[in-house]
Amino acid sequence: MYTWRVNDSLTIRKPFDAHVHLRRASTLRAVLPYTAARFGRGIVMPNTEPPIDSVETAAAYRDEILAALPAGMSFEPLMTFYLTKNLTPAEIEKGADGSICKIHAVKSYPYGATPNSQWGYRSILEAEEVLAAMERAHMPLLLHGEVHLNDAGEEEDPYDGERVFFAEVLPRLLEKHPRLKISLEHVSTAEAADFIEKQGKEGRLVATVTPHHLMYDRTQAFSGGYRALLHCKPLIKTRADRERLRALVAKGLPFICAGTDTAPHPESKKFSSCCAFGVFNAPAAVEMYAQVFDEIGALDKLENFLSVNGPRFFGLEPDTATITLEKKDWQITEPVVTEEGVNIWPIGHVQHGLGNEVFRWKIV
């Protein structure tokens, strides 16, 4: 390990973001520098519009990301497929081959539950042929583990969707596809934490945890009115759920890692009557993780969580570069602004967050 701490300074290998939304065009160009400053590599989510479900579209998106990097910055985008009904076993084989564009995983979104999820299956269990091809190719499945519509076509309570998935759907999936590598994305409930702690296995069944699900709880999300910058899927849950997630990451398990789920949206979509799901945390994600791990007395577990466990699941070695954080108060006072002048508001903003928020660790 490279971790060392001197007084209130902490140096670790450069983190790996196992779940990042970068969008496209001007939004991509505006937000990418914040991720690249903190993460050496990232598993890039494919729910763009149109979705990424072919090797050719993945290659084009990869090239767009690399072209958007500012001079002097480095970041390796690791591409994924969206599990749409157009995705075929043959495309899985092409993506695994990597001669055109290496595909590192396939992402499943519950139909209708989150932005651009209209192309997904209503049930992951319907994708039998593609899942079998993924097993053969050893390609991981990234699961947004919520039930939005039940078997009767009825809406589930959005606060119960993850609990229903872990109780009723995931066990059937694991039984039917015992060799499938699975990452349970952005777990948010005590039930999910209990499941992964008991069933998790390095290289086989892992989970990502976001900084916002570790830092906030539902009472804060509604404090003084609904907080748009905390509106996301999965929803921010109860304080008991948050504390269970904190207890989970404090154990330093090798099958738990960081996935920020940073998800930028323009001001017009976040501050609207139909607030878009997604927390834009890239400008503070690593710092938020450090703050939480400090609060729970687990800074010695931070490097593995941020920089080691994620790449190892995807068959990669941890980064050789390092970053240094220091314990220093700071605030987010400005939006990120696109070249067209569109504001994208980060989590924790002093005005639009919970109010005069202060982060306790800062990258130097």
Protein backbone atom coordinates (compact mmCIF):
# COMPACT_ATOMS: atom_id res chain seq x y z
CA MET A 1 0.00 0.00 0.00
CA TYR A 2 1.09 3.56 -0.68
CA THR A 3 -1.06 5.05 2.06
CA TRP A 4 0.71 7.26 4.52
CA ARG A 5 -0.51 9.91 6.89
CA VAL A 6 1.45 12.78 8.39
CA ASN A 7 -0.50 14.83 10.91
CA ASP A 8 -3.61 15.80 8.91
CA SER A 9 -2.31 14.88 5.46
CA LEU A 10 -3.19 11.63 3.68
CA THR A 11 -1.59 10.27 0.48
CA ILE A 12 -3.17 7.38 -1.43
CA ARG A 13 -3.02 5.85 -4.88
CA LYS A 14 -5.20 7.76 -7.32
CA PRO A 15 -8.82 6.61 -6.89
CA PHE A 16 -10.90 4.57 -9.31
CA ASP A 17 -14.52 5.57 -9.94
CA ALA A 18 -16.52 2.40 -10.55
CA HIS A 19 -19.66 4.34 -11.56
CA VAL A 20 -19.47 7.71 -13.34
CA HIS A 21 -21.89 9.60 -15.58
CA LEU A 22 -20.09 12.02 -17.91
CA ARG A 23 -22.90 12.91 -20.34
CA ARG A 24 -21.93 14.23 -23.77
CA ALA A 25 -21.12 17.41 -25.72
CA SER A 26 -20.80 20.62 -23.68
CA THR A 27 -21.86 19.00 -20.41
CA LEU A 28 -19.11 16.40 -20.80
CA ARG A 29 -16.54 19.09 -21.48
CA ALA A 30 -17.62 21.05 -18.41
CA VAL A 31 -17.73 18.20 -15.87
CA LEU A 32 -14.92 15.89 -17.01
CA PRO A 33 -12.07 17.94 -15.48
CA TYR A 34 -13.55 17.47 -11.99
CA THR A 35 -13.57 13.69 -12.33
CA ALA A 36 -10.13 13.58 -13.99
CA ALA A 37 -8.62 15.65 -11.17
CA ARG A 38 -9.67 13.01 -8.64
CA PHE A 39 -9.80 9.69 -10.49
CA GLY A 40 -7.32 8.04 -12.81
CA ARG A 41 -9.92 5.78 -14.42
CA GLY A 42 -13.67 5.36 -14.37
CA ILE A 43 -16.36 2.91 -15.41
CA VAL A 44 -18.42 5.15 -17.72
CA MET A 45 -22.18 4.73 -17.63
CA PRO A 46 -23.92 4.09 -20.98
CA ASN A 47 -27.36 5.68 -20.47
CA THR A 48 -26.72 8.50 -22.86
CA GLU A 49 -29.28 9.42 -25.49
CA PRO A 50 -29.13 7.40 -27.67
CA PRO A 51 -27.82 4.60 -25.43
CA ILE A 52 -24.46 2.88 -25.81
CA ASP A 53 -25.30 -0.67 -26.90
CA SER A 54 -22.79 -1.42 -29.65
CA VAL A 55 -19.02 -1.51 -29.92
CA GLU A 56 -19.10 1.28 -32.49
CA THR A 57 -21.13 3.67 -30.32
CA ALA A 58 -18.91 2.86 -27.33
CA ALA A 59 -15.78 3.64 -29.36
CA ALA A 60 -17.23 6.95 -30.51
CA TYR A 61 -18.14 7.89 -26.93
CA ARG A 62 -14.66 6.91 -25.67
CA ASP A 63 -13.04 9.10 -28.33
CA GLU A 64 -15.32 12.02 -27.41
CA ILE A 65 -14.32 11.72 -23.74
CA LEU A 66 -10.61 11.62 -24.54
CA ALA A 67 -10.96 14.64 -26.84
CA ALA A 68 -12.68 16.57 -24.03
CA LEU A 69 -9.76 16.18 -21.60
CA PRO A 70 -8.02 19.50 -20.94
CA ALA A 71 -4.34 19.69 -21.82
CA GLY A 72 -2.15 18.22 -19.10
CA MET A 73 -4.89 16.05 -17.58
CA SER A 74 -5.18 12.29 -17.90
CA PHE A 75 -8.16 9.99 -17.41
CA GLU A 76 -8.92 6.54 -18.82
CA PRO A 77 -12.59 5.97 -19.66
CA LEU A 78 -13.56 2.32 -19.29
CA MET A 79 -16.55 1.71 -21.52
CA THR A 80 -19.77 -0.21 -20.86
CA PHE A 81 -22.87 -1.38 -22.72
CA TYR A 82 -26.43 -0.53 -21.75
CA LEU A 83 -28.50 -3.71 -21.41
CA THR A 84 -31.13 -2.73 -23.96
CA LYS A 85 -33.30 -5.11 -25.92
CA ASN A 86 -31.08 -4.38 -28.94
CA LEU A 87 -27.96 -5.73 -27.23
CA THR A 88 -27.07 -9.18 -28.60
CA PRO A 89 -24.79 -12.04 -27.52
CA ALA A 90 -22.69 -11.36 -30.63
CA GLU A 91 -22.11 -7.78 -29.49
CA ILE A 92 -21.01 -9.07 -26.07
CA GLU A 93 -18.40 -11.22 -27.82
CA LYS A 94 -17.17 -8.25 -29.88
CA GLY A 95 -16.93 -6.09 -26.77
CA ALA A 96 -15.04 -8.75 -24.84
CA ASP A 97 -12.60 -9.16 -27.73
CA GLY A 98 -11.69 -5.48 -27.52
CA SER A 99 -10.21 -5.10 -30.98
CA ILE A 100 -12.46 -2.12 -31.72
CA CYS A 101 -13.29 -0.95 -28.19
CA LYS A 102 -12.88 -2.93 -24.99
CA ILE A 103 -16.15 -3.25 -23.11
CA HIS A 104 -15.59 -3.72 -19.39
CA ALA A 105 -19.17 -4.35 -18.21
CA VAL A 106 -22.88 -4.19 -19.04
CA LYS A 107 -25.19 -1.91 -17.07
CA SER A 108 -28.79 -2.83 -16.29
CA TYR A 109 -31.32 -0.10 -15.47
CA PRO A 110 -34.82 -0.87 -14.16
CA TYR A 111 -37.28 0.25 -16.80
CA GLY A 112 -38.61 3.77 -16.20
CA ALA A 113 -36.86 4.29 -12.88
CA THR A 114 -34.10 6.77 -13.71
CA PRO A 115 -33.02 9.13 -16.55
CA ASN A 116 -32.87 7.41 -19.95
CA SER A 117 -33.98 4.05 -18.55
CA GLN A 118 -36.78 3.59 -21.09
CA TRP A 119 -34.64 1.22 -23.16
CA GLY A 120 -34.10 -1.28 -20.35
CA TYR A 121 -35.81 -4.58 -19.59
CA ARG A 122 -38.70 -4.55 -17.15
CA SER A 123 -36.96 -7.46 -15.40
CA ILE A 124 -33.29 -8.39 -15.58
CA LEU A 125 -34.40 -12.03 -15.71
CA GLU A 126 -35.77 -11.45 -19.23
CA ALA A 127 -32.27 -10.97 -20.67
CA GLU A 128 -31.43 -14.68 -20.57
CA GLU A 129 -29.37 -15.01 -23.77
CA VAL A 130 -27.28 -11.89 -23.17
CA LEU A 131 -26.59 -12.85 -19.55
CA ALA A 132 -25.45 -16.30 -20.67
CA ALA A 133 -23.08 -14.68 -23.19
CA MET A 134 -21.71 -12.45 -20.43
CA GLU A 135 -21.04 -15.50 -18.26
CA ARG A 136 -19.06 -17.07 -21.10
CA ALA A 137 -17.10 -13.86 -21.69
CA HIS A 138 -16.54 -13.19 -17.95
CA MET A 139 -18.04 -9.73 -18.50
CA PRO A 140 -19.49 -8.15 -15.31
CA LEU A 141 -23.11 -7.09 -14.93
CA LEU A 142 -23.62 -3.75 -13.19
CA LEU A 143 -27.01 -3.84 -11.48
CA HIS A 144 -29.19 -0.91 -10.55
CA GLY A 145 -30.93 -3.05 -7.98
CA GLU A 146 -34.43 -1.64 -7.65
CA VAL A 147 -37.87 -2.85 -8.64
CA HIS A 148 -39.83 -0.02 -10.20
CA LEU A 149 -42.74 -2.04 -11.59
CA ASN A 150 -43.68 -5.34 -9.96
CA ASP A 151 -44.83 -8.51 -11.75
CA ALA A 152 -48.39 -7.18 -11.82
CA GLY A 153 -47.24 -3.97 -13.55
CA GLU A 154 -47.94 -1.91 -10.43
CA GLU A 155 -45.66 0.87 -9.17
CA GLU A 156 -43.60 -0.05 -6.13
CA ASP A 157 -43.07 2.47 -3.36
CA PRO A 158 -39.80 4.15 -4.49
CA TYR A 159 -38.39 3.82 -0.97
CA ASP A 160 -39.00 0.05 -1.10
CA GLY A 161 -37.70 -0.72 -4.60
CA GLU A 162 -34.22 -1.75 -3.46
CA ARG A 163 -35.52 -3.88 -0.60
CA VAL A 164 -37.88 -5.72 -2.97
CA PHE A 165 -35.06 -6.32 -5.45
CA PHE A 166 -32.72 -7.83 -2.87
CA ALA A 167 -35.46 -9.97 -1.36
CA GLU A 168 -37.20 -11.21 -4.52
CA VAL A 169 -35.15 -10.67 -7.69
CA LEU A 170 -31.46 -10.93 -6.87
CA PRO A 171 -31.62 -14.43 -5.32
CA ARG A 172 -33.34 -15.73 -8.48
CA LEU A 173 -30.71 -14.09 -10.68
CA LEU A 174 -27.83 -15.58 -8.70
CA GLU A 175 -29.41 -19.03 -8.81
CA LYS A 176 -30.02 -18.86 -12.54
CA HIS A 177 -26.59 -17.45 -13.45
CA PRO A 178 -24.13 -18.77 -10.86
CA ARG A 179 -21.02 -17.85 -12.90
CA LEU A 180 -22.04 -14.26 -13.67
CA LYS A 181 -19.81 -11.54 -12.23
CA ILE A 182 -22.07 -8.90 -10.63
CA SER A 183 -21.56 -5.47 -9.13
CA LEU A 184 -24.49 -4.20 -7.07
CA GLU A 185 -24.46 -0.50 -7.81
CA HIS A 186 -24.97 2.38 -5.35
CA VAL A 187 -26.46 0.26 -2.54
CA SER A 188 -28.52 2.45 -0.23
CA THR A 189 -30.35 0.32 2.35
CA ALA A 190 -29.52 -1.73 5.42
CA GLU A 191 -31.00 -4.78 3.69
CA ALA A 192 -28.58 -4.38 0.76
CA ALA A 193 -25.66 -3.94 3.15
CA ASP A 194 -26.66 -7.08 5.05
CA PHE A 195 -26.93 -9.06 1.80
CA ILE A 196 -23.57 -8.05 0.36
CA GLU A 197 -21.74 -8.49 3.67
CA LYS A 198 -22.98 -12.09 3.88
CA GLN A 199 -22.92 -13.02 0.18
CA GLY A 200 -20.17 -10.81 -1.24
CA LYS A 201 -17.16 -12.44 -2.84
CA GLU A 202 -14.08 -10.80 -4.28
CA GLY A 203 -14.08 -11.04 -8.07
CA ARG A 204 -17.61 -12.46 -8.16
CA LEU A 205 -20.21 -10.41 -6.25
CA VAL A 206 -19.30 -6.88 -5.20
CA ALA A 207 -21.01 -3.58 -4.40
CA THR A 208 -20.36 0.12 -4.91
CA VAL A 209 -21.31 2.85 -2.44
CA THR A 210 -21.71 6.54 -3.26
CA PRO A 211 -20.44 9.44 -1.15
CA HIS A 212 -23.93 10.92 -0.86
CA HIS A 213 -25.50 7.75 0.51
CA LEU A 214 -22.73 7.64 3.12
CA MET A 215 -22.98 11.30 4.07
CA TYR A 216 -26.69 12.18 4.02
CA ASP A 217 -29.97 10.76 5.30
CA ARG A 218 -33.63 11.32 4.42
CA THR A 219 -34.26 13.92 7.10
CA GLN A 220 -31.54 16.10 5.54
CA ALA A 221 -32.93 15.55 2.04
CA PHE A 222 -36.19 17.13 3.21
CA SER A 223 -34.71 19.68 5.63
CA GLY A 224 -36.28 23.08 4.95
CA GLY A 225 -38.09 21.78 1.87
CA TYR A 226 -37.05 19.18 -0.69
CA ARG A 227 -33.34 19.46 -1.53
CA ALA A 228 -33.04 19.17 -5.31
CA LEU A 229 -29.29 18.52 -5.24
CA LEU A 230 -29.92 15.35 -3.20
CA HIS A 231 -32.67 14.05 -5.53
CA CYS A 232 -31.33 10.79 -6.93
CA LYS A 233 -32.00 7.14 -7.56
CA PRO A 234 -31.76 5.22 -5.38
CA LEU A 235 -33.35 7.77 -3.10
CA ILE A 236 -31.51 8.93 0.02
CA LYS A 237 -32.75 6.62 2.78
CA THR A 238 -33.13 6.76 6.58
CA ARG A 239 -30.42 7.54 9.10
CA ALA A 240 -30.43 3.87 10.12
CA ASP A 241 -29.73 2.88 6.51
CA ARG A 242 -26.91 5.40 6.29
CA GLU A 243 -25.34 4.15 9.52
CA ARG A 244 -25.52 0.56 8.27
CA LEU A 245 -23.70 1.58 5.08
CA ARG A 246 -21.06 3.36 7.15
CA ALA A 247 -20.59 0.23 9.25
CA LEU A 248 -20.22 -1.80 6.05
CA VAL A 249 -17.45 0.33 4.52
CA ALA A 250 -15.66 0.56 7.88
CA LYS A 251 -15.01 -3.20 7.73
CA GLY A 252 -12.62 -2.81 4.81
CA LEU A 253 -14.11 -5.73 2.87
CA PRO A 254 -12.37 -6.40 -0.48
CA PHE A 255 -15.69 -6.58 -2.36
CA ILE A 256 -16.89 -3.06 -1.44
CA CYS A 257 -15.64 -0.08 -3.45
CA ALA A 258 -16.27 3.51 -4.46
CA GLY A 259 -18.68 4.36 -7.24
CA THR A 260 -19.64 8.02 -7.10
CA ASP A 261 -22.69 7.84 -9.40
CA THR A 262 -21.96 11.49 -10.13
CA ALA A 263 -24.77 12.53 -12.47
CA PRO A 264 -24.79 16.13 -13.72
CA HIS A 265 -27.94 17.86 -14.94
CA PRO A 266 -28.51 21.41 -16.18
CA GLU A 267 -30.11 23.86 -13.78
CA SER A 268 -33.36 23.79 -15.75
CA LYS A 269 -33.80 20.06 -15.05
CA LYS A 270 -32.70 20.09 -11.40
CA PHE A 271 -34.70 23.12 -10.27
CA SER A 272 -37.99 22.21 -11.91
CA SER A 273 -41.35 20.77 -10.88
CA CYS A 274 -40.11 17.42 -12.23
CA CYS A 275 -36.66 17.40 -10.69
CA ALA A 276 -34.20 15.14 -12.56
CA PHE A 277 -32.67 12.26 -10.64
CA GLY A 278 -28.93 12.56 -10.14
CA VAL A 279 -26.38 13.97 -7.70
CA PHE A 280 -23.48 15.89 -9.23
CA ASN A 281 -20.73 15.15 -6.72
CA ALA A 282 -17.59 15.06 -8.91
CA PRO A 283 -16.19 18.37 -7.54
CA ALA A 284 -16.11 16.92 -4.00
CA ALA A 285 -16.50 13.13 -4.24
CA VAL A 286 -13.10 11.99 -2.96
CA GLU A 287 -13.17 14.65 -0.27
CA MET A 288 -16.61 13.48 0.89
CA TYR A 289 -15.41 9.88 1.11
CA ALA A 290 -12.40 10.99 3.16
CA GLN A 291 -14.63 12.98 5.52
CA VAL A 292 -16.94 10.03 6.14
CA PHE A 293 -14.08 7.57 6.67
CA ASP A 294 -12.50 10.04 9.10
CA GLU A 295 -15.79 10.41 11.00
CA ILE A 296 -16.13 6.63 11.41
CA GLY A 297 -12.48 6.08 12.35
CA ALA A 298 -11.65 4.13 9.20
CA LEU A 299 -9.11 6.25 7.30
CA ASP A 300 -6.84 3.19 7.17
CA LYS A 301 -9.51 1.51 4.99
CA LEU A 302 -9.93 4.45 2.60
CA GLU A 303 -7.25 3.59 0.02
CA ASN A 304 -8.49 0.05 -0.60
CA PHE A 305 -12.07 1.31 -0.90
CA LEU A 306 -11.15 4.14 -3.28
CA SER A 307 -8.19 2.84 -5.22
CA VAL A 308 -7.74 -0.94 -4.99
CA ASN A 309 -10.97 -2.93 -4.73
CA GLY A 310 -12.64 -1.41 -7.80
CA PRO A 311 -9.91 -2.00 -10.37
CA ARG A 312 -9.24 -5.48 -9.04
CA PHE A 313 -12.85 -6.52 -9.73
CA PHE A 314 -12.40 -5.45 -13.36
CA GLY A 315 -9.10 -7.31 -13.68
CA LEU A 316 -6.95 -4.19 -13.49
CA GLU A 317 -4.05 -3.17 -11.29
CA PRO A 318 -4.41 -0.15 -8.98
CA ASP A 319 -3.08 3.18 -10.22
CA THR A 320 0.58 4.01 -9.72
CA ALA A 321 -0.03 7.76 -9.40
CA THR A 322 -1.00 9.24 -6.05
CA ILE A 323 -3.10 12.07 -4.67
CA THR A 324 -2.78 13.87 -1.35
CA LEU A 325 -5.60 15.17 0.82
CA GLU A 326 -5.31 17.41 3.83
CA LYS A 327 -7.75 18.04 6.62
CA LYS A 328 -8.88 21.53 5.76
CA ASP A 329 -12.31 23.17 5.71
CA TRP A 330 -13.62 24.45 2.36
CA GLN A 331 -16.89 25.19 0.63
CA ILE A 332 -18.38 24.96 -2.85
CA THR A 333 -19.44 28.48 -3.76
CA GLU A 334 -19.89 28.37 -7.55
CA PRO A 335 -21.68 26.22 -10.12
CA VAL A 336 -19.92 24.41 -12.93
CA VAL A 337 -20.75 26.33 -16.10
CA THR A 338 -20.87 24.94 -19.64
CA GLU A 339 -19.54 26.85 -22.64
CA GLU A 340 -23.15 27.89 -23.40
CA GLY A 341 -23.46 29.42 -19.93
CA VAL A 342 -25.61 26.63 -18.43
CA ASN A 343 -25.20 26.15 -14.68
CA ILE A 344 -24.64 22.67 -13.23
CA TRP A 345 -24.90 22.78 -9.44
CA PRO A 346 -22.64 20.50 -7.36
CA ILE A 347 -23.73 18.78 -4.18
CA GLY A 348 -22.97 20.76 -1.05
CA HIS A 349 -23.22 24.18 -2.69
CA VAL A 350 -23.44 26.80 0.06
CA GLN A 351 -26.75 28.16 -1.20
CA HIS A 352 -28.47 25.28 -2.97
CA GLY A 353 -27.26 22.44 -0.75
CA LEU A 354 -28.30 22.05 2.87
CA GLY A 355 -27.15 25.59 3.63
CA ASN A 356 -23.60 26.81 4.31
CA GLU A 357 -22.17 23.29 4.09
CA VAL A 358 -18.48 22.77 4.88
CA PHE A 359 -16.35 19.87 3.67
CA ARG A 360 -13.54 18.83 6.01
CA TRP A 361 -10.95 17.30 3.65
CA LYS A 362 -9.44 18.85 0.50
CA ILE A 363 -7.20 17.58 -2.31
CA VAL A 364 -3.93 19.53 -2.48
